[in-house]
Amino acid sequence: MTRPAAPKRHLPTSPFKAPVTPDPKHFATGDRVTHDVHGLGRVVGIEDGIAVLVDFGSSQMRVLSPYTKMTKL
């Protein structure tokens, strides 16, 4: 069994800039969203900081945080 690789840390003496962490996304019930795989949808439920339930018309999907493939319209 293999272990996952440890995240790389930024050295203070490095000539390169430290990677910027993206702001966490927040959604509210009723927000229109688009998902890279499932398309357009509407948020119908929220689990604080864990997941959102999105209605994509033909199906409802539970999208887990950090919502990298989903954006608010």
PDB file of N, CA and C in Angstrom:
ATOM      1  N   MET A   1       0.835  -1.167   0.000  1.00  0.00           N
ATOM      2  CA  MET A   1       0.000   0.000   0.000  1.00  0.00           C
ATOM      3  C   MET A   1       0.889   1.242   0.000  1.00  0.00           C
ATOM      4  N   THR A   2       0.563   2.206  -0.813  1.00  0.00           N
ATOM      5  CA  THR A   2       1.380   3.407  -0.906  1.00  0.00           C
ATOM      6  C   THR A   2       0.736   4.559  -0.156  1.00  0.00           C
ATOM      7  N   ARG A   3       1.564   5.466   0.293  1.00  0.00           N
ATOM      8  CA  ARG A   3       1.087   6.649   0.991  1.00  0.00           C
ATOM      9  C   ARG A   3       0.944   7.796  -0.005  1.00  0.00           C
ATOM     10  N   PRO A   4       0.010   8.701   0.227  1.00  0.00           N
ATOM     11  CA  PRO A   4      -0.079   9.870  -0.647  1.00  0.00           C
ATOM     12  C   PRO A   4       1.127  10.783  -0.413  1.00  0.00           C
ATOM     13  N   ALA A   5       1.520  11.488  -1.434  1.00  0.00           N
ATOM     14  CA  ALA A   5       2.668  12.377  -1.327  1.00  0.00           C
ATOM     15  C   ALA A   5       2.342  13.553  -0.411  1.00  0.00           C
ATOM     16  N   ALA A   6       3.328  13.988   0.323  1.00  0.00           N
ATOM     17  CA  ALA A   6       3.148  15.137   1.213  1.00  0.00           C
ATOM     18  C   ALA A   6       3.082  16.413   0.377  1.00  0.00           C
ATOM     19  N   PRO A   7       2.284  17.387   0.793  1.00  0.00           N
ATOM     20  CA  PRO A   7       2.226  18.637   0.028  1.00  0.00           C
ATOM     21  C   PRO A   7       3.557  19.371   0.104  1.00  0.00           C
ATOM     22  N   LYS A   8       3.910  20.012  -0.993  1.00  0.00           N
ATOM     23  CA  LYS A   8       5.174  20.750  -1.026  1.00  0.00           C
ATOM     24  C   LYS A   8       5.012  22.050  -0.252  1.00  0.00           C
ATOM     25  N   ARG A   9       6.023  22.389   0.524  1.00  0.00           N
ATOM     26  CA  ARG A   9       5.956  23.620   1.290  1.00  0.00           C
ATOM     27  C   ARG A   9       6.814  24.682   0.620  1.00  0.00           C
ATOM     28  N   HIS A  10       6.471  25.927   0.834  1.00  0.00           N
ATOM     29  CA  HIS A  10       7.192  27.046   0.247  1.00  0.00           C
ATOM     30  C   HIS A  10       8.331  27.450   1.168  1.00  0.00           C
ATOM     31  N   LEU A  11       9.523  27.518   0.629  1.00  0.00           N
ATOM     32  CA  LEU A  11      10.674  27.924   1.419  1.00  0.00           C
ATOM     33  C   LEU A  11      10.778  29.449   1.424  1.00  0.00           C
ATOM     34  N   PRO A  12      11.058  30.060   2.566  1.00  0.00           N
ATOM     35  CA  PRO A  12      11.147  31.520   2.623  1.00  0.00           C
ATOM     36  C   PRO A  12      12.271  32.093   1.764  1.00  0.00           C
ATOM     37  N   THR A  13      13.289  31.303   1.471  1.00  0.00           N
ATOM     38  CA  THR A  13      14.411  31.790   0.658  1.00  0.00           C
ATOM     39  C   THR A  13      14.194  31.544  -0.834  1.00  0.00           C
ATOM     40  N   SER A  14      13.063  30.996  -1.210  1.00  0.00           N
ATOM     41  CA  SER A  14      12.799  30.688  -2.618  1.00  0.00           C
ATOM     42  C   SER A  14      12.598  31.969  -3.422  1.00  0.00           C
ATOM     43  N   PRO A  15      13.121  32.024  -4.654  1.00  0.00           N
ATOM     44  CA  PRO A  15      12.903  33.205  -5.497  1.00  0.00           C
ATOM     45  C   PRO A  15      11.502  33.227  -6.131  1.00  0.00           C
ATOM     46  N   PHE A  16      10.740  32.161  -5.974  1.00  0.00           N
ATOM     47  CA  PHE A  16       9.409  32.076  -6.558  1.00  0.00           C
ATOM     48  C   PHE A  16       8.355  32.477  -5.540  1.00  0.00           C
ATOM     49  N   LYS A  17       7.249  33.006  -6.022  1.00  0.00           N
ATOM     50  CA  LYS A  17       6.168  33.419  -5.133  1.00  0.00           C
ATOM     51  C   LYS A  17       5.466  32.194  -4.562  1.00  0.00           C
ATOM     52  N   ALA A  18       4.946  32.349  -3.367  1.00  0.00           N
ATOM     53  CA  ALA A  18       4.198  31.266  -2.724  1.00  0.00           C
ATOM     54  C   ALA A  18       2.883  31.077  -3.466  1.00  0.00           C
ATOM     55  N   PRO A  19       2.406  29.832  -3.589  1.00  0.00           N
ATOM     56  CA  PRO A  19       1.131  29.609  -4.274  1.00  0.00           C
ATOM     57  C   PRO A  19      -0.012  30.261  -3.489  1.00  0.00           C
ATOM     58  N   VAL A  20      -0.948  30.825  -4.223  1.00  0.00           N
ATOM     59  CA  VAL A  20      -2.082  31.504  -3.618  1.00  0.00           C
ATOM     60  C   VAL A  20      -3.202  30.494  -3.387  1.00  0.00           C
ATOM     61  N   THR A  21      -3.739  30.462  -2.181  1.00  0.00           N
ATOM     62  CA  THR A  21      -4.854  29.567  -1.898  1.00  0.00           C
ATOM     63  C   THR A  21      -6.149  30.269  -2.302  1.00  0.00           C
ATOM     64  N   PRO A  22      -7.014  29.590  -3.066  1.00  0.00           N
ATOM     65  CA  PRO A  22      -8.252  30.222  -3.510  1.00  0.00           C
ATOM     66  C   PRO A  22      -9.210  30.429  -2.337  1.00  0.00           C
ATOM     67  N   ASP A  23     -10.036  31.472  -2.435  1.00  0.00           N
ATOM     68  CA  ASP A  23     -11.044  31.733  -1.411  1.00  0.00           C
ATOM     69  C   ASP A  23     -12.083  30.625  -1.453  1.00  0.00           C
ATOM     70  N   PRO A  24     -12.594  30.225  -0.284  1.00  0.00           N
ATOM     71  CA  PRO A  24     -13.625  29.186  -0.284  1.00  0.00           C
ATOM     72  C   PRO A  24     -14.910  29.709  -0.926  1.00  0.00           C
ATOM     73  N   LYS A  25     -15.573  28.841  -1.667  1.00  0.00           N
ATOM     74  CA  LYS A  25     -16.813  29.229  -2.341  1.00  0.00           C
ATOM     75  C   LYS A  25     -17.985  29.017  -1.398  1.00  0.00           C
ATOM     76  N   HIS A  26     -18.908  29.962  -1.402  1.00  0.00           N
ATOM     77  CA  HIS A  26     -20.106  29.867  -0.576  1.00  0.00           C
ATOM     78  C   HIS A  26     -21.324  29.914  -1.476  1.00  0.00           C
ATOM     79  N   PHE A  27     -22.256  29.006  -1.260  1.00  0.00           N
ATOM     80  CA  PHE A  27     -23.477  28.943  -2.040  1.00  0.00           C
ATOM     81  C   PHE A  27     -24.672  29.072  -1.110  1.00  0.00           C
ATOM     82  N   ALA A  28     -25.775  29.589  -1.645  1.00  0.00           N
ATOM     83  CA  ALA A  28     -27.016  29.718  -0.896  1.00  0.00           C
ATOM     84  C   ALA A  28     -28.107  28.965  -1.646  1.00  0.00           C
ATOM     85  N   THR A  29     -29.145  28.566  -0.935  1.00  0.00           N
ATOM     86  CA  THR A  29     -30.265  27.878  -1.563  1.00  0.00           C
ATOM     87  C   THR A  29     -30.886  28.798  -2.609  1.00  0.00           C
ATOM     88  N   GLY A  30     -31.095  28.270  -3.801  1.00  0.00           N
ATOM     89  CA  GLY A  30     -31.665  29.038  -4.900  1.00  0.00           C
ATOM     90  C   GLY A  30     -30.642  29.594  -5.871  1.00  0.00           C
ATOM     91  N   ASP A  31     -29.356  29.521  -5.550  1.00  0.00           N
ATOM     92  CA  ASP A  31     -28.310  30.019  -6.454  1.00  0.00           C
ATOM     93  C   ASP A  31     -28.266  29.188  -7.726  1.00  0.00           C
ATOM     94  N   ARG A  32     -28.089  29.869  -8.863  1.00  0.00           N
ATOM     95  CA  ARG A  32     -27.870  29.186 -10.127  1.00  0.00           C
ATOM     96  C   ARG A  32     -26.380  28.901 -10.245  1.00  0.00           C
ATOM     97  N   VAL A  33     -26.031  27.669 -10.648  1.00  0.00           N
ATOM     98  CA  VAL A  33     -24.640  27.259 -10.748  1.00  0.00           C
ATOM     99  C   VAL A  33     -24.410  26.522 -12.061  1.00  0.00           C
ATOM    100  N   THR A  34     -23.146  26.430 -12.438  1.00  0.00           N
ATOM    101  CA  THR A  34     -22.760  25.601 -13.563  1.00  0.00           C
ATOM    102  C   THR A  34     -21.657  24.659 -13.093  1.00  0.00           C
ATOM    103  N   HIS A  35     -21.735  23.417 -13.557  1.00  0.00           N
ATOM    104  CA  HIS A  35     -20.772  22.386 -13.180  1.00  0.00           C
ATOM    105  C   HIS A  35     -20.093  21.914 -14.461  1.00  0.00           C
ATOM    106  N   ASP A  36     -18.783  21.678 -14.394  1.00  0.00           N
ATOM    107  CA  ASP A  36     -18.019  21.277 -15.574  1.00  0.00           C
ATOM    108  C   ASP A  36     -18.523  19.981 -16.196  1.00  0.00           C
ATOM    109  N   VAL A  37     -19.059  19.074 -15.408  1.00  0.00           N
ATOM    110  CA  VAL A  37     -19.502  17.774 -15.920  1.00  0.00           C
ATOM    111  C   VAL A  37     -21.015  17.731 -16.116  1.00  0.00           C
ATOM    112  N   HIS A  38     -21.777  18.232 -15.131  1.00  0.00           N
ATOM    113  CA  HIS A  38     -23.235  18.073 -15.132  1.00  0.00           C
ATOM    114  C   HIS A  38     -23.996  19.230 -15.770  1.00  0.00           C
ATOM    115  N   GLY A  39     -23.378  20.377 -15.980  1.00  0.00           N
ATOM    116  CA  GLY A  39     -24.028  21.503 -16.650  1.00  0.00           C
ATOM    117  C   GLY A  39     -24.691  22.470 -15.673  1.00  0.00           C
ATOM    118  N   LEU A  40     -25.793  23.096 -16.136  1.00  0.00           N
ATOM    119  CA  LEU A  40     -26.496  24.108 -15.358  1.00  0.00           C
ATOM    120  C   LEU A  40     -27.382  23.479 -14.306  1.00  0.00           C
ATOM    121  N   GLY A  41     -27.476  24.156 -13.155  1.00  0.00           N
ATOM    122  CA  GLY A  41     -28.324  23.643 -12.091  1.00  0.00           C
ATOM    123  C   GLY A  41     -28.672  24.719 -11.086  1.00  0.00           C
ATOM    124  N   ARG A  42     -29.459  24.328 -10.088  1.00  0.00           N
ATOM    125  CA  ARG A  42     -29.881  25.236  -9.026  1.00  0.00           C
ATOM    126  C   ARG A  42     -29.648  24.544  -7.683  1.00  0.00           C
ATOM    127  N   VAL A  43     -29.070  25.285  -6.728  1.00  0.00           N
ATOM    128  CA  VAL A  43     -28.801  24.751  -5.391  1.00  0.00           C
ATOM    129  C   VAL A  43     -30.124  24.591  -4.656  1.00  0.00           C
ATOM    130  N   VAL A  44     -30.394  23.376  -4.156  1.00  0.00           N
ATOM    131  CA  VAL A  44     -31.638  23.110  -3.435  1.00  0.00           C
ATOM    132  C   VAL A  44     -31.395  22.757  -1.970  1.00  0.00           C
ATOM    133  N   GLY A  45     -30.146  22.496  -1.594  1.00  0.00           N
ATOM    134  CA  GLY A  45     -29.844  22.165  -0.210  1.00  0.00           C
ATOM    135  C   GLY A  45     -28.391  22.418   0.110  1.00  0.00           C
ATOM    136  N   ILE A  46     -28.112  22.679   1.388  1.00  0.00           N
ATOM    137  CA  ILE A  46     -26.744  22.991   1.818  1.00  0.00           C
ATOM    138  C   ILE A  46     -26.411  22.207   3.080  1.00  0.00           C
ATOM    139  N   GLU A  47     -25.218  21.608   3.087  1.00  0.00           N
ATOM    140  CA  GLU A  47     -24.641  21.014   4.290  1.00  0.00           C
ATOM    141  C   GLU A  47     -23.414  21.858   4.593  1.00  0.00           C
ATOM    142  N   ASP A  48     -23.465  22.660   5.640  1.00  0.00           N
ATOM    143  CA  ASP A  48     -22.439  23.667   5.931  1.00  0.00           C
ATOM    144  C   ASP A  48     -21.016  23.137   5.830  1.00  0.00           C
ATOM    145  N   GLY A  49     -20.262  23.677   4.854  1.00  0.00           N
ATOM    146  CA  GLY A  49     -18.862  23.346   4.687  1.00  0.00           C
ATOM    147  C   GLY A  49     -18.564  21.951   4.176  1.00  0.00           C
ATOM    148  N   ILE A  50     -19.603  21.139   3.946  1.00  0.00           N
ATOM    149  CA  ILE A  50     -19.371  19.758   3.531  1.00  0.00           C
ATOM    150  C   ILE A  50     -19.777  19.545   2.074  1.00  0.00           C
ATOM    151  N   ALA A  51     -21.014  19.905   1.745  1.00  0.00           N
ATOM    152  CA  ALA A  51     -21.533  19.635   0.410  1.00  0.00           C
ATOM    153  C   ALA A  51     -22.744  20.502   0.127  1.00  0.00           C
ATOM    154  N   VAL A  52     -23.131  20.557  -1.143  1.00  0.00           N
ATOM    155  CA  VAL A  52     -24.375  21.197  -1.558  1.00  0.00           C
ATOM    156  C   VAL A  52     -25.147  20.218  -2.424  1.00  0.00           C
ATOM    157  N   LEU A  53     -26.457  20.276  -2.362  1.00  0.00           N
ATOM    158  CA  LEU A  53     -27.325  19.450  -3.189  1.00  0.00           C
ATOM    159  C   LEU A  53     -27.804  20.316  -4.340  1.00  0.00           C
ATOM    160  N   VAL A  54     -27.520  19.879  -5.570  1.00  0.00           N
ATOM    161  CA  VAL A  54     -27.830  20.674  -6.754  1.00  0.00           C
ATOM    162  C   VAL A  54     -28.778  19.903  -7.651  1.00  0.00           C
ATOM    163  N   ASP A  55     -29.846  20.581  -8.109  1.00  0.00           N
ATOM    164  CA  ASP A  55     -30.811  20.007  -9.043  1.00  0.00           C
ATOM    165  C   ASP A  55     -30.380  20.397 -10.451  1.00  0.00           C
ATOM    166  N   PHE A  56     -29.990  19.400 -11.259  1.00  0.00           N
ATOM    167  CA  PHE A  56     -29.551  19.637 -12.627  1.00  0.00           C
ATOM    168  C   PHE A  56     -30.658  19.360 -13.633  1.00  0.00           C
ATOM    169  N   GLY A  57     -31.898  19.304 -13.200  1.00  0.00           N
ATOM    170  CA  GLY A  57     -33.026  19.052 -14.092  1.00  0.00           C
ATOM    171  C   GLY A  57     -33.347  17.581 -14.172  1.00  0.00           C
ATOM    172  N   SER A  58     -32.469  16.798 -14.754  1.00  0.00           N
ATOM    173  CA  SER A  58     -32.712  15.361 -14.899  1.00  0.00           C
ATOM    174  C   SER A  58     -32.321  14.575 -13.654  1.00  0.00           C
ATOM    175  N   SER A  59     -31.483  15.166 -12.804  1.00  0.00           N
ATOM    176  CA  SER A  59     -31.038  14.469 -11.598  1.00  0.00           C
ATOM    177  C   SER A  59     -30.613  15.477 -10.541  1.00  0.00           C
ATOM    178  N   GLN A  60     -30.560  15.004  -9.302  1.00  0.00           N
ATOM    179  CA  GLN A  60     -30.018  15.802  -8.207  1.00  0.00           C
ATOM    180  C   GLN A  60     -28.703  15.181  -7.785  1.00  0.00           C
ATOM    181  N   MET A  61     -27.694  16.014  -7.622  1.00  0.00           N
ATOM    182  CA  MET A  61     -26.360  15.537  -7.256  1.00  0.00           C
ATOM    183  C   MET A  61     -25.895  16.227  -5.988  1.00  0.00           C
ATOM    184  N   ARG A  62     -25.165  15.489  -5.173  1.00  0.00           N
ATOM    185  CA  ARG A  62     -24.538  16.038  -3.972  1.00  0.00           C
ATOM    186  C   ARG A  62     -23.093  16.342  -4.348  1.00  0.00           C
ATOM    187  N   VAL A  63     -22.734  17.633  -4.386  1.00  0.00           N
ATOM    188  CA  VAL A  63     -21.394  18.061  -4.778  1.00  0.00           C
ATOM    189  C   VAL A  63     -20.616  18.393  -3.512  1.00  0.00           C
ATOM    190  N   LEU A  64     -19.482  17.736  -3.341  1.00  0.00           N
ATOM    191  CA  LEU A  64     -18.672  17.908  -2.131  1.00  0.00           C
ATOM    192  C   LEU A  64     -17.759  19.121  -2.232  1.00  0.00           C
ATOM    193  N   SER A  65     -17.437  19.677  -1.059  1.00  0.00           N
ATOM    194  CA  SER A  65     -16.510  20.790  -0.974  1.00  0.00           C
ATOM    195  C   SER A  65     -15.127  20.297  -1.388  1.00  0.00           C
ATOM    196  N   PRO A  66     -14.302  21.038  -2.058  1.00  0.00           N
ATOM    197  CA  PRO A  66     -14.159  22.477  -2.235  1.00  0.00           C
ATOM    198  C   PRO A  66     -14.775  23.016  -3.510  1.00  0.00           C
ATOM    199  N   TYR A  67     -15.633  22.289  -4.178  1.00  0.00           N
ATOM    200  CA  TYR A  67     -16.403  22.760  -5.349  1.00  0.00           C
ATOM    201  C   TYR A  67     -15.502  23.278  -6.468  1.00  0.00           C
ATOM    202  N   THR A  68     -14.449  22.540  -6.814  1.00  0.00           N
ATOM    203  CA  THR A  68     -13.499  22.990  -7.827  1.00  0.00           C
ATOM    204  C   THR A  68     -14.113  23.022  -9.215  1.00  0.00           C
ATOM    205  N   LYS A  69     -15.088  22.171  -9.501  1.00  0.00           N
ATOM    206  CA  LYS A  69     -15.677  22.110 -10.833  1.00  0.00           C
ATOM    207  C   LYS A  69     -16.988  22.872 -10.934  1.00  0.00           C
ATOM    208  N   MET A  70     -17.376  23.615  -9.881  1.00  0.00           N
ATOM    209  CA  MET A  70     -18.657  24.304  -9.879  1.00  0.00           C
ATOM    210  C   MET A  70     -18.455  25.794  -9.619  1.00  0.00           C
ATOM    211  N   THR A  71     -19.167  26.615 -10.398  1.00  0.00           N
ATOM    212  CA  THR A  71     -19.100  28.066 -10.212  1.00  0.00           C
ATOM    213  C   THR A  71     -20.496  28.644 -10.139  1.00  0.00           C
ATOM    214  N   LYS A  72     -20.614  29.739  -9.410  1.00  0.00           N
ATOM    215  CA  LYS A  72     -21.883  30.437  -9.229  1.00  0.00           C
ATOM    216  C   LYS A  72     -22.111  31.371 -10.412  1.00  0.00           C
ATOM    217  N   LEU A  73     -23.331  31.397 -10.915  1.00  0.00           N
ATOM    218  CA  LEU A  73     -23.660  32.290 -12.035  1.00  0.00           C
ATOM    219  C   LEU A  73     -24.213  33.605 -11.551  1.00  0.00           C
TER     220      LEU A  73
END
